[in-house]
Amino acid sequence: MASNGENGSIGRSDRRVLGLLAIAPQGRADLKFIAMFTLELLELVKARLVDVHADTLRIDGRRIKTARVFITAAGRKKLED
């Protein structure tokens, strides 16, 4: 997680990802989002600002295993800082 300064604030990219998750009450499972922000998501999971759960999507009648990404309470608090 890109940290700005000693106050533990988050970087612009991390803030963007947290903001996109904050407006998704059921989390996000879309593959484009996960692929686009993989590195940021890994760092945010490590910092416990984001949580990931296994999920299954139906696309064109096929079942695809994926992950659903959620912002945590700590992630919401970090956005407010």
PDB file of N, CA and C in Angstrom:
ATOM      1  N   MET A   1       0.848  -1.168   0.000  1.00  0.00           N
ATOM      2  CA  MET A   1       0.000   0.000   0.000  1.00  0.00           C
ATOM      3  C   MET A   1       0.887   1.222   0.000  1.00  0.00           C
ATOM      4  N   ALA A   2       0.657   2.079  -0.921  1.00  0.00           N
ATOM      5  CA  ALA A   2       1.428   3.308  -0.996  1.00  0.00           C
ATOM      6  C   ALA A   2       0.994   4.225   0.132  1.00  0.00           C
ATOM      7  N   SER A   3       1.941   4.565   0.970  1.00  0.00           N
ATOM      8  CA  SER A   3       1.639   5.422   2.112  1.00  0.00           C
ATOM      9  C   SER A   3       2.279   6.779   1.885  1.00  0.00           C
ATOM     10  N   ASN A   4       1.551   7.811   2.193  1.00  0.00           N
ATOM     11  CA  ASN A   4       2.060   9.169   2.043  1.00  0.00           C
ATOM     12  C   ASN A   4       2.408   9.738   3.401  1.00  0.00           C
ATOM     13  N   GLY A   5       3.691   9.868   3.665  1.00  0.00           N
ATOM     14  CA  GLY A   5       4.110  10.480   4.906  1.00  0.00           C
ATOM     15  C   GLY A   5       3.991   9.560   6.100  1.00  0.00           C
ATOM     16  N   GLU A   6       4.208  10.134   7.283  1.00  0.00           N
ATOM     17  CA  GLU A   6       4.236   9.362   8.512  1.00  0.00           C
ATOM     18  C   GLU A   6       2.861   9.182   9.120  1.00  0.00           C
ATOM     19  N   ASN A   7       1.846   9.890   8.633  1.00  0.00           N
ATOM     20  CA  ASN A   7       0.519   9.800   9.238  1.00  0.00           C
ATOM     21  C   ASN A   7      -0.256   8.575   8.771  1.00  0.00           C
ATOM     22  N   GLY A   8       0.335   7.746   7.901  1.00  0.00           N
ATOM     23  CA  GLY A   8      -0.320   6.523   7.459  1.00  0.00           C
ATOM     24  C   GLY A   8      -1.416   6.745   6.431  1.00  0.00           C
ATOM     25  N   SER A   9      -1.451   7.915   5.803  1.00  0.00           N
ATOM     26  CA  SER A   9      -2.477   8.155   4.785  1.00  0.00           C
ATOM     27  C   SER A   9      -2.197   7.270   3.574  1.00  0.00           C
ATOM     28  N   ILE A  10      -3.227   7.002   2.816  1.00  0.00           N
ATOM     29  CA  ILE A  10      -3.095   6.106   1.674  1.00  0.00           C
ATOM     30  C   ILE A  10      -2.848   6.888   0.397  1.00  0.00           C
ATOM     31  N   GLY A  11      -2.275   6.200  -0.569  1.00  0.00           N
ATOM     32  CA  GLY A  11      -1.974   6.826  -1.849  1.00  0.00           C
ATOM     33  C   GLY A  11      -3.210   7.004  -2.713  1.00  0.00           C
ATOM     34  N   ARG A  12      -3.052   7.753  -3.776  1.00  0.00           N
ATOM     35  CA  ARG A  12      -4.160   8.074  -4.683  1.00  0.00           C
ATOM     36  C   ARG A  12      -4.789   6.820  -5.285  1.00  0.00           C
ATOM     37  N   SER A  13      -3.973   5.875  -5.731  1.00  0.00           N
ATOM     38  CA  SER A  13      -4.481   4.661  -6.359  1.00  0.00           C
ATOM     39  C   SER A  13      -5.267   3.804  -5.357  1.00  0.00           C
ATOM     40  N   ASP A  14      -4.726   3.670  -4.148  1.00  0.00           N
ATOM     41  CA  ASP A  14      -5.422   2.905  -3.109  1.00  0.00           C
ATOM     42  C   ASP A  14      -6.734   3.576  -2.730  1.00  0.00           C
ATOM     43  N   ARG A  15      -6.715   4.886  -2.648  1.00  0.00           N
ATOM     44  CA  ARG A  15      -7.930   5.639  -2.308  1.00  0.00           C
ATOM     45  C   ARG A  15      -8.995   5.433  -3.405  1.00  0.00           C
ATOM     46  N   ARG A  16      -8.554   5.392  -4.654  1.00  0.00           N
ATOM     47  CA  ARG A  16      -9.476   5.177  -5.770  1.00  0.00           C
ATOM     48  C   ARG A  16     -10.148   3.810  -5.659  1.00  0.00           C
ATOM     49  N   VAL A  17      -9.354   2.777  -5.384  1.00  0.00           N
ATOM     50  CA  VAL A  17      -9.893   1.425  -5.246  1.00  0.00           C
ATOM     51  C   VAL A  17     -10.867   1.359  -4.071  1.00  0.00           C
ATOM     52  N   LEU A  18     -10.486   1.917  -2.932  1.00  0.00           N
ATOM     53  CA  LEU A  18     -11.373   1.914  -1.768  1.00  0.00           C
ATOM     54  C   LEU A  18     -12.669   2.667  -2.072  1.00  0.00           C
ATOM     55  N   GLY A  19     -12.577   3.767  -2.796  1.00  0.00           N
ATOM     56  CA  GLY A  19     -13.761   4.535  -3.170  1.00  0.00           C
ATOM     57  C   GLY A  19     -14.699   3.738  -4.066  1.00  0.00           C
ATOM     58  N   LEU A  20     -14.134   2.999  -5.013  1.00  0.00           N
ATOM     59  CA  LEU A  20     -14.950   2.166  -5.901  1.00  0.00           C
ATOM     60  C   LEU A  20     -15.623   1.027  -5.138  1.00  0.00           C
ATOM     61  N   LEU A  21     -14.938   0.513  -4.127  1.00  0.00           N
ATOM     62  CA  LEU A  21     -15.537  -0.546  -3.310  1.00  0.00           C
ATOM     63  C   LEU A  21     -16.579   0.012  -2.341  1.00  0.00           C
ATOM     64  N   ALA A  22     -16.360   1.226  -1.879  1.00  0.00           N
ATOM     65  CA  ALA A  22     -17.281   1.843  -0.915  1.00  0.00           C
ATOM     66  C   ALA A  22     -18.666   2.054  -1.528  1.00  0.00           C
ATOM     67  N   ILE A  23     -18.737   2.268  -2.834  1.00  0.00           N
ATOM     68  CA  ILE A  23     -20.041   2.503  -3.473  1.00  0.00           C
ATOM     69  C   ILE A  23     -20.683   1.212  -3.980  1.00  0.00           C
ATOM     70  N   ALA A  24     -20.063   0.075  -3.672  1.00  0.00           N
ATOM     71  CA  ALA A  24     -20.591  -1.233  -4.078  1.00  0.00           C
ATOM     72  C   ALA A  24     -20.989  -2.003  -2.817  1.00  0.00           C
ATOM     73  N   PRO A  25     -22.231  -1.836  -2.349  1.00  0.00           N
ATOM     74  CA  PRO A  25     -22.639  -2.435  -1.079  1.00  0.00           C
ATOM     75  C   PRO A  25     -22.502  -3.959  -1.018  1.00  0.00           C
ATOM     76  N   GLN A  26     -22.557  -4.630  -2.153  1.00  0.00           N
ATOM     77  CA  GLN A  26     -22.408  -6.086  -2.165  1.00  0.00           C
ATOM     78  C   GLN A  26     -21.022  -6.505  -2.645  1.00  0.00           C
ATOM     79  N   GLY A  27     -20.081  -5.573  -2.624  1.00  0.00           N
ATOM     80  CA  GLY A  27     -18.738  -5.863  -3.086  1.00  0.00           C
ATOM     81  C   GLY A  27     -18.682  -5.905  -4.601  1.00  0.00           C
ATOM     82  N   ARG A  28     -17.510  -6.259  -5.117  1.00  0.00           N
ATOM     83  CA  ARG A  28     -17.337  -6.339  -6.570  1.00  0.00           C
ATOM     84  C   ARG A  28     -16.741  -7.683  -6.919  1.00  0.00           C
ATOM     85  N   ALA A  29     -17.304  -8.306  -7.937  1.00  0.00           N
ATOM     86  CA  ALA A  29     -16.800  -9.596  -8.405  1.00  0.00           C
ATOM     87  C   ALA A  29     -16.434  -9.544  -9.880  1.00  0.00           C
ATOM     88  N   ASP A  30     -16.516  -8.360 -10.484  1.00  0.00           N
ATOM     89  CA  ASP A  30     -16.239  -8.288 -11.923  1.00  0.00           C
ATOM     90  C   ASP A  30     -14.746  -8.471 -12.196  1.00  0.00           C
ATOM     91  N   LEU A  31     -14.475  -9.321 -13.154  1.00  0.00           N
ATOM     92  CA  LEU A  31     -13.107  -9.710 -13.452  1.00  0.00           C
ATOM     93  C   LEU A  31     -12.243  -8.549 -13.923  1.00  0.00           C
ATOM     94  N   LYS A  32     -12.826  -7.597 -14.662  1.00  0.00           N
ATOM     95  CA  LYS A  32     -12.056  -6.436 -15.134  1.00  0.00           C
ATOM     96  C   LYS A  32     -11.532  -5.617 -13.959  1.00  0.00           C
ATOM     97  N   PHE A  33     -12.396  -5.393 -12.966  1.00  0.00           N
ATOM     98  CA  PHE A  33     -11.992  -4.622 -11.785  1.00  0.00           C
ATOM     99  C   PHE A  33     -10.854  -5.326 -11.056  1.00  0.00           C
ATOM    100  N   ILE A  34     -11.015  -6.622 -10.827  1.00  0.00           N
ATOM    101  CA  ILE A  34      -9.990  -7.378 -10.107  1.00  0.00           C
ATOM    102  C   ILE A  34      -8.675  -7.392 -10.882  1.00  0.00           C
ATOM    103  N   ALA A  35      -8.752  -7.576 -12.194  1.00  0.00           N
ATOM    104  CA  ALA A  35      -7.536  -7.594 -13.014  1.00  0.00           C
ATOM    105  C   ALA A  35      -6.860  -6.227 -13.063  1.00  0.00           C
ATOM    106  N   MET A  36      -7.664  -5.184 -13.167  1.00  0.00           N
ATOM    107  CA  MET A  36      -7.107  -3.837 -13.279  1.00  0.00           C
ATOM    108  C   MET A  36      -6.392  -3.387 -12.000  1.00  0.00           C
ATOM    109  N   PHE A  37      -6.893  -3.839 -10.860  1.00  0.00           N
ATOM    110  CA  PHE A  37      -6.357  -3.359  -9.584  1.00  0.00           C
ATOM    111  C   PHE A  37      -5.746  -4.476  -8.739  1.00  0.00           C
ATOM    112  N   THR A  38      -5.231  -5.512  -9.364  1.00  0.00           N
ATOM    113  CA  THR A  38      -4.703  -6.664  -8.627  1.00  0.00           C
ATOM    114  C   THR A  38      -3.658  -6.264  -7.594  1.00  0.00           C
ATOM    115  N   LEU A  39      -2.673  -5.501  -7.984  1.00  0.00           N
ATOM    116  CA  LEU A  39      -1.607  -5.142  -7.047  1.00  0.00           C
ATOM    117  C   LEU A  39      -2.135  -4.310  -5.888  1.00  0.00           C
ATOM    118  N   GLU A  40      -2.987  -3.346  -6.194  1.00  0.00           N
ATOM    119  CA  GLU A  40      -3.558  -2.518  -5.138  1.00  0.00           C
ATOM    120  C   GLU A  40      -4.407  -3.364  -4.193  1.00  0.00           C
ATOM    121  N   LEU A  41      -5.209  -4.273  -4.767  1.00  0.00           N
ATOM    122  CA  LEU A  41      -6.068  -5.120  -3.943  1.00  0.00           C
ATOM    123  C   LEU A  41      -5.249  -6.009  -3.012  1.00  0.00           C
ATOM    124  N   LEU A  42      -4.153  -6.564  -3.519  1.00  0.00           N
ATOM    125  CA  LEU A  42      -3.305  -7.405  -2.671  1.00  0.00           C
ATOM    126  C   LEU A  42      -2.756  -6.614  -1.492  1.00  0.00           C
ATOM    127  N   GLU A  43      -2.300  -5.415  -1.741  1.00  0.00           N
ATOM    128  CA  GLU A  43      -1.777  -4.575  -0.664  1.00  0.00           C
ATOM    129  C   GLU A  43      -2.869  -4.172   0.319  1.00  0.00           C
ATOM    130  N   LEU A  44      -4.060  -3.878  -0.201  1.00  0.00           N
ATOM    131  CA  LEU A  44      -5.171  -3.482   0.668  1.00  0.00           C
ATOM    132  C   LEU A  44      -5.665  -4.657   1.502  1.00  0.00           C
ATOM    133  N   VAL A  45      -5.633  -5.864   0.950  1.00  0.00           N
ATOM    134  CA  VAL A  45      -5.990  -7.057   1.731  1.00  0.00           C
ATOM    135  C   VAL A  45      -4.964  -7.238   2.845  1.00  0.00           C
ATOM    136  N   LYS A  46      -3.709  -7.098   2.501  1.00  0.00           N
ATOM    137  CA  LYS A  46      -2.630  -7.235   3.487  1.00  0.00           C
ATOM    138  C   LYS A  46      -2.791  -6.222   4.630  1.00  0.00           C
ATOM    139  N   ALA A  47      -3.248  -5.027   4.298  1.00  0.00           N
ATOM    140  CA  ALA A  47      -3.454  -3.975   5.298  1.00  0.00           C
ATOM    141  C   ALA A  47      -4.810  -4.103   6.002  1.00  0.00           C
ATOM    142  N   ARG A  48      -5.592  -5.114   5.623  1.00  0.00           N
ATOM    143  CA  ARG A  48      -6.921  -5.385   6.195  1.00  0.00           C
ATOM    144  C   ARG A  48      -7.935  -4.270   5.941  1.00  0.00           C
ATOM    145  N   LEU A  49      -7.757  -3.581   4.821  1.00  0.00           N
ATOM    146  CA  LEU A  49      -8.698  -2.544   4.415  1.00  0.00           C
ATOM    147  C   LEU A  49      -9.718  -3.095   3.426  1.00  0.00           C
ATOM    148  N   VAL A  50      -9.404  -4.275   2.879  1.00  0.00           N
ATOM    149  CA  VAL A  50     -10.255  -4.953   1.906  1.00  0.00           C
ATOM    150  C   VAL A  50     -10.296  -6.430   2.282  1.00  0.00           C
ATOM    151  N   ASP A  51     -11.429  -7.064   2.040  1.00  0.00           N
ATOM    152  CA  ASP A  51     -11.586  -8.496   2.300  1.00  0.00           C
ATOM    153  C   ASP A  51     -12.056  -9.174   1.013  1.00  0.00           C
ATOM    154  N   VAL A  52     -11.704 -10.439   0.852  1.00  0.00           N
ATOM    155  CA  VAL A  52     -12.047 -11.187  -0.357  1.00  0.00           C
ATOM    156  C   VAL A  52     -12.740 -12.491   0.030  1.00  0.00           C
ATOM    157  N   HIS A  53     -13.820 -12.816  -0.673  1.00  0.00           N
ATOM    158  CA  HIS A  53     -14.547 -14.062  -0.466  1.00  0.00           C
ATOM    159  C   HIS A  53     -14.688 -14.774  -1.801  1.00  0.00           C
ATOM    160  N   ALA A  54     -14.655 -16.096  -1.767  1.00  0.00           N
ATOM    161  CA  ALA A  54     -14.888 -16.887  -2.987  1.00  0.00           C
ATOM    162  C   ALA A  54     -16.321 -16.674  -3.454  1.00  0.00           C
ATOM    163  N   ASP A  55     -16.526 -16.657  -4.759  1.00  0.00           N
ATOM    164  CA  ASP A  55     -17.852 -16.441  -5.321  1.00  0.00           C
ATOM    165  C   ASP A  55     -17.950 -17.204  -6.645  1.00  0.00           C
ATOM    166  N   THR A  56     -19.164 -17.411  -7.101  1.00  0.00           N
ATOM    167  CA  THR A  56     -19.409 -18.039  -8.400  1.00  0.00           C
ATOM    168  C   THR A  56     -20.336 -17.141  -9.200  1.00  0.00           C
ATOM    169  N   LEU A  57     -19.936 -16.831 -10.419  1.00  0.00           N
ATOM    170  CA  LEU A  57     -20.752 -16.014 -11.319  1.00  0.00           C
ATOM    171  C   LEU A  57     -21.332 -16.901 -12.413  1.00  0.00           C
ATOM    172  N   ARG A  58     -22.467 -16.489 -12.948  1.00  0.00           N
ATOM    173  CA  ARG A  58     -23.026 -17.142 -14.136  1.00  0.00           C
ATOM    174  C   ARG A  58     -22.855 -16.185 -15.309  1.00  0.00           C
ATOM    175  N   ILE A  59     -22.117 -16.636 -16.299  1.00  0.00           N
ATOM    176  CA  ILE A  59     -21.898 -15.845 -17.501  1.00  0.00           C
ATOM    177  C   ILE A  59     -22.239 -16.731 -18.695  1.00  0.00           C
ATOM    178  N   ASP A  60     -23.209 -16.292 -19.484  1.00  0.00           N
ATOM    179  CA  ASP A  60     -23.671 -17.070 -20.642  1.00  0.00           C
ATOM    180  C   ASP A  60     -24.022 -18.505 -20.256  1.00  0.00           C
ATOM    181  N   GLY A  61     -24.665 -18.669 -19.097  1.00  0.00           N
ATOM    182  CA  GLY A  61     -25.090 -19.982 -18.650  1.00  0.00           C
ATOM    183  C   GLY A  61     -23.992 -20.833 -18.034  1.00  0.00           C
ATOM    184  N   ARG A  62     -22.773 -20.336 -18.022  1.00  0.00           N
ATOM    185  CA  ARG A  62     -21.657 -21.081 -17.446  1.00  0.00           C
ATOM    186  C   ARG A  62     -21.356 -20.544 -16.057  1.00  0.00           C
ATOM    187  N   ARG A  63     -20.941 -21.421 -15.179  1.00  0.00           N
ATOM    188  CA  ARG A  63     -20.540 -21.020 -13.832  1.00  0.00           C
ATOM    189  C   ARG A  63     -19.033 -20.785 -13.813  1.00  0.00           C
ATOM    190  N   ILE A  64     -18.641 -19.635 -13.313  1.00  0.00           N
ATOM    191  CA  ILE A  64     -17.228 -19.273 -13.245  1.00  0.00           C
ATOM    192  C   ILE A  64     -16.891 -18.922 -11.806  1.00  0.00           C
ATOM    193  N   LYS A  65     -15.864 -19.569 -11.269  1.00  0.00           N
ATOM    194  CA  LYS A  65     -15.419 -19.266  -9.917  1.00  0.00           C
ATOM    195  C   LYS A  65     -14.569 -18.003  -9.952  1.00  0.00           C
ATOM    196  N   THR A  66     -14.853 -17.127  -9.019  1.00  0.00           N
ATOM    197  CA  THR A  66     -14.121 -15.874  -8.942  1.00  0.00           C
ATOM    198  C   THR A  66     -14.049 -15.448  -7.479  1.00  0.00           C
ATOM    199  N   ALA A  67     -13.740 -14.208  -7.262  1.00  0.00           N
ATOM    200  CA  ALA A  67     -13.673 -13.650  -5.916  1.00  0.00           C
ATOM    201  C   ALA A  67     -14.553 -12.417  -5.854  1.00  0.00           C
ATOM    202  N   ARG A  68     -15.126 -12.173  -4.704  1.00  0.00           N
ATOM    203  CA  ARG A  68     -15.891 -10.943  -4.461  1.00  0.00           C
ATOM    204  C   ARG A  68     -15.085 -10.123  -3.464  1.00  0.00           C
ATOM    205  N   VAL A  69     -14.833  -8.877  -3.808  1.00  0.00           N
ATOM    206  CA  VAL A  69     -13.982  -8.004  -3.009  1.00  0.00           C
ATOM    207  C   VAL A  69     -14.856  -6.984  -2.282  1.00  0.00           C
ATOM    208  N   PHE A  70     -14.627  -6.841  -0.977  1.00  0.00           N
ATOM    209  CA  PHE A  70     -15.396  -5.927  -0.132  1.00  0.00           C
ATOM    210  C   PHE A  70     -14.464  -4.956   0.589  1.00  0.00           C
ATOM    211  N   ILE A  71     -14.937  -3.762   0.836  1.00  0.00           N
ATOM    212  CA  ILE A  71     -14.216  -2.833   1.695  1.00  0.00           C
ATOM    213  C   ILE A  71     -14.563  -3.190   3.142  1.00  0.00           C
ATOM    214  N   THR A  72     -13.592  -3.126   4.030  1.00  0.00           N
ATOM    215  CA  THR A  72     -13.833  -3.418   5.443  1.00  0.00           C
ATOM    216  C   THR A  72     -14.176  -2.116   6.175  1.00  0.00           C
ATOM    217  N   ALA A  73     -14.586  -2.253   7.420  1.00  0.00           N
ATOM    218  CA  ALA A  73     -14.865  -1.072   8.242  1.00  0.00           C
ATOM    219  C   ALA A  73     -13.600  -0.224   8.372  1.00  0.00           C
ATOM    220  N   ALA A  74     -12.453  -0.878   8.505  1.00  0.00           N
ATOM    221  CA  ALA A  74     -11.183  -0.147   8.593  1.00  0.00           C
ATOM    222  C   ALA A  74     -10.902   0.596   7.294  1.00  0.00           C
ATOM    223  N   GLY A  75     -11.275  -0.008   6.160  1.00  0.00           N
ATOM    224  CA  GLY A  75     -11.096   0.651   4.866  1.00  0.00           C
ATOM    225  C   GLY A  75     -11.967   1.889   4.746  1.00  0.00           C
ATOM    226  N   ARG A  76     -13.216   1.791   5.223  1.00  0.00           N
ATOM    227  CA  ARG A  76     -14.104   2.960   5.206  1.00  0.00           C
ATOM    228  C   ARG A  76     -13.558   4.079   6.090  1.00  0.00           C
ATOM    229  N   LYS A  77     -13.032   3.694   7.245  1.00  0.00           N
ATOM    230  CA  LYS A  77     -12.457   4.684   8.158  1.00  0.00           C
ATOM    231  C   LYS A  77     -11.255   5.375   7.523  1.00  0.00           C
ATOM    232  N   LYS A  78     -10.435   4.580   6.832  1.00  0.00           N
ATOM    233  CA  LYS A  78      -9.244   5.132   6.173  1.00  0.00           C
ATOM    234  C   LYS A  78      -9.630   6.129   5.080  1.00  0.00           C
ATOM    235  N   LEU A  79     -10.743   5.871   4.400  1.00  0.00           N
ATOM    236  CA  LEU A  79     -11.230   6.805   3.368  1.00  0.00           C
ATOM    237  C   LEU A  79     -11.620   8.142   3.988  1.00  0.00           C
ATOM    238  N   GLU A  80     -12.127   8.114   5.220  1.00  0.00           N
ATOM    239  CA  GLU A  80     -12.560   9.339   5.888  1.00  0.00           C
ATOM    240  C   GLU A  80     -11.382  10.192   6.349  1.00  0.00           C
ATOM    241  N   ASP A  81     -10.222   9.578   6.563  1.00  0.00           N
ATOM    242  CA  ASP A  81      -9.032  10.309   7.047  1.00  0.00           C
ATOM    243  C   ASP A  81      -8.520  11.298   6.028  1.00  0.00           C
TER     244      ASP A  81
END
